[in-house]
Every structure is written in structure tokens, then in C-alpha cells.
Protein backbone atom coordinates (compact mmCIF):
# COMPACT_ATOMS: atom_id res chain seq x y z
CA MET A 1 18.58 -21.73 0.53
CA GLU A 2 16.06 -19.15 -1.27
CA LYS A 3 14.84 -18.39 2.46
CA TYR A 4 18.16 -17.85 3.61
CA ILE A 5 18.76 -15.53 0.93
CA GLU A 6 15.45 -13.56 1.64
CA LEU A 7 16.19 -13.43 5.29
CA SER A 8 19.69 -11.95 4.67
CA ASN A 9 18.41 -9.34 2.26
CA LEU A 10 15.85 -8.17 4.81
CA LYS A 11 18.84 -8.33 7.40
CA GLU A 12 20.68 -5.86 5.15
CA GLY A 13 17.80 -3.50 4.28
CA MET A 14 16.96 -3.10 8.09
CA GLU A 15 20.64 -2.16 8.88
CA GLU A 16 21.34 -0.20 6.02
CA ASN A 17 17.81 1.87 5.92
CA MET A 18 15.89 1.59 8.94
CA SER A 19 16.42 4.55 11.44
CA TYR A 20 14.37 3.09 14.62
CA SER A 21 12.65 5.54 16.32
CA GLY A 22 12.77 6.05 20.02
CA LEU A 23 9.28 4.37 20.65
CA SER A 24 9.69 1.54 18.31
CA THR A 25 13.11 0.80 20.03
CA ARG A 26 11.54 0.88 23.36
CA ILE A 27 9.17 -1.29 22.81
CA SER A 28 11.27 -4.16 20.79
CA SER A 29 13.57 -3.79 23.61
CA TYR A 30 11.01 -4.82 26.22
CA LEU A 31 9.76 -7.46 24.09
CA ALA A 32 13.02 -8.80 23.21
CA ARG A 33 13.94 -8.73 27.09
CA GLU A 34 10.63 -10.62 27.88
CA LEU A 35 11.07 -13.08 25.05
CA LYS A 36 14.69 -13.70 25.93
CA TYR A 37 15.51 -12.83 22.18
CA CYS A 38 19.14 -12.33 20.75
CA GLU A 39 20.29 -9.57 19.36
CA GLU A 40 19.83 -10.52 16.17
CA LYS A 41 16.13 -11.43 16.64
CA LYS A 42 15.81 -8.39 18.66
CA LYS A 43 16.72 -6.33 15.29
CA ILE A 44 14.09 -8.04 13.39
CA LEU A 45 11.79 -7.31 16.04
CA ALA A 46 12.31 -3.55 15.88
CA TYR A 47 11.78 -3.65 12.37
CA ALA A 48 8.37 -5.23 12.67
CA VAL A 49 7.54 -3.04 15.76
CA GLU A 50 8.73 0.31 13.56
CA SER A 51 6.70 -0.99 10.57
CA ILE A 52 3.59 -1.49 12.27
CA LEU A 53 3.79 2.09 14.24
CA ILE A 54 4.22 3.48 10.81
CA THR A 55 1.51 1.76 9.24
CA VAL A 56 -0.76 2.78 12.33
CA LEU A 57 0.65 6.43 12.30
CA GLY A 58 -0.17 6.80 8.61
CA PHE A 59 -3.54 5.25 8.64
CA ALA A 60 -4.20 7.68 11.25
CA ILE A 61 -2.81 10.86 9.47
CA ILE A 62 -4.92 9.91 6.43
CA MET A 63 -7.98 9.62 8.30
CA PHE A 64 -7.24 12.55 10.19
CA ILE A 65 -7.18 14.79 7.25
CA GLY A 66 -9.76 12.89 5.51
CA LEU A 67 -11.90 14.34 8.39
CA LEU A 68 -10.97 17.83 8.16
CA LEU A 69 -12.03 17.64 4.39
CA ARG A 70 -15.39 16.19 5.37
CA ALA A 71 -14.57 12.95 3.15
CA PRO A 72 -13.77 10.36 5.75
CA TYR A 73 -15.96 7.51 4.06
CA GLU A 74 -14.51 7.99 0.62
CA THR A 75 -11.08 8.48 2.17
CA PHE A 76 -11.22 5.09 4.20
CA PHE A 77 -12.49 3.08 1.49
CA ALA A 78 -9.82 4.27 -0.76
CA ALA A 79 -6.84 3.76 1.73
CA VAL A 80 -8.19 0.48 2.59
CA ALA A 81 -8.37 -1.10 -0.94
CA ALA A 82 -4.85 0.71 -1.85
CA GLY A 83 -3.31 -0.76 1.31
CA THR A 84 -4.87 -4.10 1.02
CA LEU A 85 -3.44 -4.56 -2.54
CA ARG A 86 0.03 -3.28 -1.61
CA LYS A 87 0.49 -6.07 0.60
CA PHE A 88 0.80 -8.49 -1.94
CA SER A 89 1.75 -6.13 -5.18
CA GLY A 90 4.48 -4.11 -3.73
CA GLY A 91 5.32 -0.98 -5.16
CA ALA A 92 7.39 2.38 -5.01
CA HIS A 93 8.84 3.53 -1.88
CA PHE A 94 9.91 6.66 -0.85
CA SER A 95 13.59 7.53 0.51
CA THR A 96 12.17 8.26 4.44
CA PRO A 97 9.19 7.07 6.18
CA ALA A 98 8.26 10.76 6.51
CA LYS A 99 7.57 11.54 3.02
CA CYS A 100 5.55 8.29 2.66
CA LEU A 101 3.24 9.43 5.63
CA LEU A 102 3.18 13.03 4.03
CA THR A 103 2.21 11.71 0.62
CA GLY A 104 -0.43 9.22 1.82
CA GLY A 105 -1.78 11.77 3.89
CA LEU A 106 -2.49 14.07 1.06
CA VAL A 107 -3.19 11.65 -1.75
CA TYR A 108 -6.24 9.69 -0.36
CA PRO A 109 -7.87 12.54 1.55
CA LEU A 110 -8.04 14.46 -1.68
CA PHE A 111 -8.97 11.92 -3.71
CA GLY A 112 -11.72 11.09 -1.44
CA LEU A 113 -12.71 14.88 -1.83
CA THR A 114 -12.88 14.33 -5.36
CA VAL A 115 -14.88 11.37 -5.28
CA LYS A 116 -17.39 13.02 -3.18
CA ASN A 117 -17.70 16.67 -4.63
CA VAL A 118 -16.84 16.14 -8.11
CA LEU A 119 -17.38 12.48 -9.59
CA LEU A 120 -20.42 11.98 -7.88
CA ASP A 121 -22.14 15.49 -8.65
CA TYR A 122 -20.71 16.50 -12.13
CA VAL A 123 -19.82 13.45 -13.96
CA LYS A 124 -22.89 12.18 -15.65
CA GLU A 125 -23.55 9.24 -17.72
CA PRO A 126 -22.15 7.79 -20.20
CA MET A 127 -18.92 9.33 -19.44
CA PHE A 128 -19.23 8.20 -15.76
CA LEU A 129 -19.48 4.90 -16.75
CA THR A 130 -16.67 5.22 -19.27
CA VAL A 131 -14.48 6.73 -16.94
CA VAL A 132 -15.15 3.78 -14.45
CA LEU A 133 -14.55 1.32 -16.79
CA ALA A 134 -11.04 2.86 -18.26
CA ALA A 135 -9.49 3.05 -14.84
CA ALA A 136 -10.75 -0.24 -13.81
CA ALA A 137 -9.20 -1.49 -17.20
CA VAL A 138 -6.01 0.30 -16.81
CA SER A 139 -5.61 -0.40 -13.02
CA PHE A 140 -6.07 -4.27 -13.97
CA TYR A 141 -3.29 -4.12 -16.67
CA MET A 142 -0.60 -2.30 -14.56
CA VAL A 143 -1.21 -4.88 -11.75
CA PHE A 144 -1.01 -7.77 -14.38
CA LYS A 145 1.89 -6.63 -16.20
CA TYR A 146 3.88 -5.41 -13.13
CA ALA A 147 3.03 -7.11 -9.80
CA PRO A 148 4.65 -7.99 -7.63
CA VAL A 149 7.32 -5.32 -7.55
CA ASP A 150 10.18 -6.05 -5.06
CA SER A 151 12.34 -3.59 -3.44
CA VAL A 152 16.46 -3.37 -3.61
CA ASN A 153 16.49 -4.23 0.02
CA LYS A 154 13.93 -6.79 0.02
CA PRO A 155 14.22 -8.40 -3.61
CA ILE A 156 11.61 -11.47 -4.37
CA VAL A 157 14.42 -14.17 -5.17
CA SER A 158 11.65 -17.40 -5.08
CA PRO A 159 10.00 -17.64 -8.12
CA GLU A 160 7.42 -19.50 -6.59
CA PHE A 161 6.89 -16.95 -3.84
CA ARG A 162 6.74 -14.25 -6.91
CA LYS A 163 3.99 -16.23 -8.43
CA LYS A 164 2.05 -16.35 -4.95
CA LEU A 165 2.30 -12.63 -4.63
CA PHE A 166 1.06 -12.19 -8.48
CA ARG A 167 -1.75 -14.42 -7.90
CA ALA A 168 -2.81 -12.76 -4.61
CA SER A 169 -2.50 -9.63 -6.28
CA ILE A 170 -4.90 -10.30 -8.88
CA ILE A 171 -7.49 -12.09 -6.50
CA THR A 172 -7.43 -8.83 -4.38
CA VAL A 173 -7.85 -6.68 -7.71
CA LEU A 174 -10.79 -8.96 -8.65
CA VAL A 175 -12.49 -9.04 -5.33
CA PHE A 176 -12.54 -5.48 -4.92
CA TYR A 177 -13.60 -4.95 -8.39
CA ALA A 178 -16.69 -7.16 -7.56
CA VAL A 179 -17.64 -5.10 -4.72
CA ALA A 180 -17.05 -1.71 -6.63
CA PHE A 181 -19.15 -2.59 -9.61
CA LEU A 182 -21.90 -3.42 -7.41
CA ASN A 183 -21.89 -0.15 -6.07
CA TYR A 184 -20.30 1.77 -8.83
CA ARG A 185 -22.61 4.77 -8.73
CA THR A 186 -21.85 5.38 -5.12
CA SER A 187 -19.25 6.47 -3.04
CA LEU A 188 -17.75 3.11 -1.95
CA GLY A 189 -17.74 1.86 -5.29
CA LEU A 190 -15.47 4.93 -6.63
CA SER A 191 -13.62 4.98 -3.79
CA ILE A 192 -12.47 1.36 -3.90
CA LEU A 193 -11.46 2.01 -7.82
CA GLY A 194 -9.70 4.93 -7.07
CA GLY A 195 -7.72 3.19 -4.43
CA ILE A 196 -6.85 0.20 -6.50
CA PHE A 197 -6.06 2.90 -9.49
CA LEU A 198 -3.81 4.93 -7.30
CA GLN A 199 -1.71 1.59 -5.94
CA ALA A 200 -1.29 0.36 -9.44
CA VAL A 201 0.19 3.69 -10.55
CA THR A 202 2.82 2.85 -7.85
CA LEU A 203 3.78 -0.38 -9.71
CA LEU A 204 4.99 1.61 -12.78
CA PRO A 205 8.91 0.82 -13.66
CA PRO A 206 9.75 4.71 -13.82
CA LEU A 207 8.65 5.01 -9.89
CA ASN A 208 10.54 1.71 -9.29
CA GLY A 209 14.10 2.36 -10.79
CA GLN A 210 13.04 0.66 -13.86
CA ARG A 211 12.98 -2.94 -12.10
CA ARG A 212 10.61 -5.40 -13.23
């Protein structure tokens, strides 16, 4: 029953909020014909295709701007850390994919630039370690308290599934923290910590309609 409810919520969200692009529609239509899918499965396929296209386009935009700002390395690791955590923790959503793409395309490259040209060069010990530990502690607290955050269109109705997402979120944070603290005075470590922090911020209730 819970799986049925989740699937129903997913369908409602697609019908109400997804505006399929021409490319995703053509791709999903072709695949649906080849796989002999019914109309219902075709809609789900179109949703999946569009989600993949948006993800790929978003990452491409992030990396392009990161290259323009000459901080591709820092931008890459911040975006990967944040994106990985988001798969399990959820987080705030914008009303349109364009806003999401624009925000991601600015936030991660600008943070990468900050890591490269400010944090590593101008923040010295012991302030550097203090900032790193504070950011890590605040990020972990936000993930522990608020993850996973569901959305209006895809609420998490299964308590067991919620627990799995919570555990996956915590494990993801701890794994990235291990890598980051082994390299904490480098671009790699700071970029990972920053990516986790930026994603953790999107879990805050004010950014999610006060949902918990």
C-alpha cells in the first residue's frame, strides 16, 4: 500500500509540475515505442529522462562556469559532494528547473573560487581549523536533524524508507568528512566540506515550507 501511495504521489507531481522539454519528449517517445510501453509508463519514462537531462545540463553549466572562473577542481568536488548527499537527504526545490540550474551554476563555481583564492591563501591557523570544524559541525547537525526532507509532490510516506534515507545521509556525510579531514588544508578537503555545508543549508525548514 505504501509503495502504491508513493507511486501515486509521483504521478501527481509529474502531471502537475513537469513541463517536458521537446528533447526529453522525443527521447521518451522513442524509448516507449521500442519498449512497447503504455501511456502511464511513458509518462514515468518522460519524467526520468527529463530528470537525467536536467542533471547533466546542470552539471555541465556548473563546470563551464567553474572553468571560466579558473576554479574547475574546487567547483567539481563541491558539486559532487553536494549532489551525492542530496540524493539521500533531499532539500529545497525551486519552482522551475531554470531557477535551479541558474542557482547551481552560480553557487558552486563562486564557492570554488572562494576556496581557491580566499580560504587557502588568506585564512591562517588556528582560524582556518576553527572555521573548518565549525562548518563541519553545523553541517552534520543540520543533516542529523532535518534529513531526509521530502517534497510536496513526493512525500516520504514509508517510515522504513525514511529511516533508510536518514542512514544513507549520515553515512554519506561521514565518508566525505573522512576524505575531507585527511586533506583538510587542500582544495579537495575544503571543496568537499563546502559542498556538504551548502547542501545541508537546503534542508532548513524555512527553505522547505516549514516541513519536517
